[in-house]
Amino acid sequence: MAALGFAGMATESRDVKKDEPRDKVACPYCRCEDTERVALFGSVLLTSQYYCRHCHSAFEVVKG
């Protein structure tokens, strides 16, 4: 998990009871959850692109 954060990527957290993606994704740079998804797909099909409103960084989240 730490290696993904170092590479500017995060993993998508899931609601264990419903097995659905949660709305909030923490930024791998500042750990703030004030993020928004800007693209459903990233550089590969298994990622989504997000933007952090706090530190103004773009990052990809591994779907899963």
Foldseek 3Di string as FASTA:
>chain_A
DLVQLVVFEAEFDADVVVRHTDQFDAGSPPRDRQKHFPACADPDRQWTWMAHPPVGDIGIYGYD
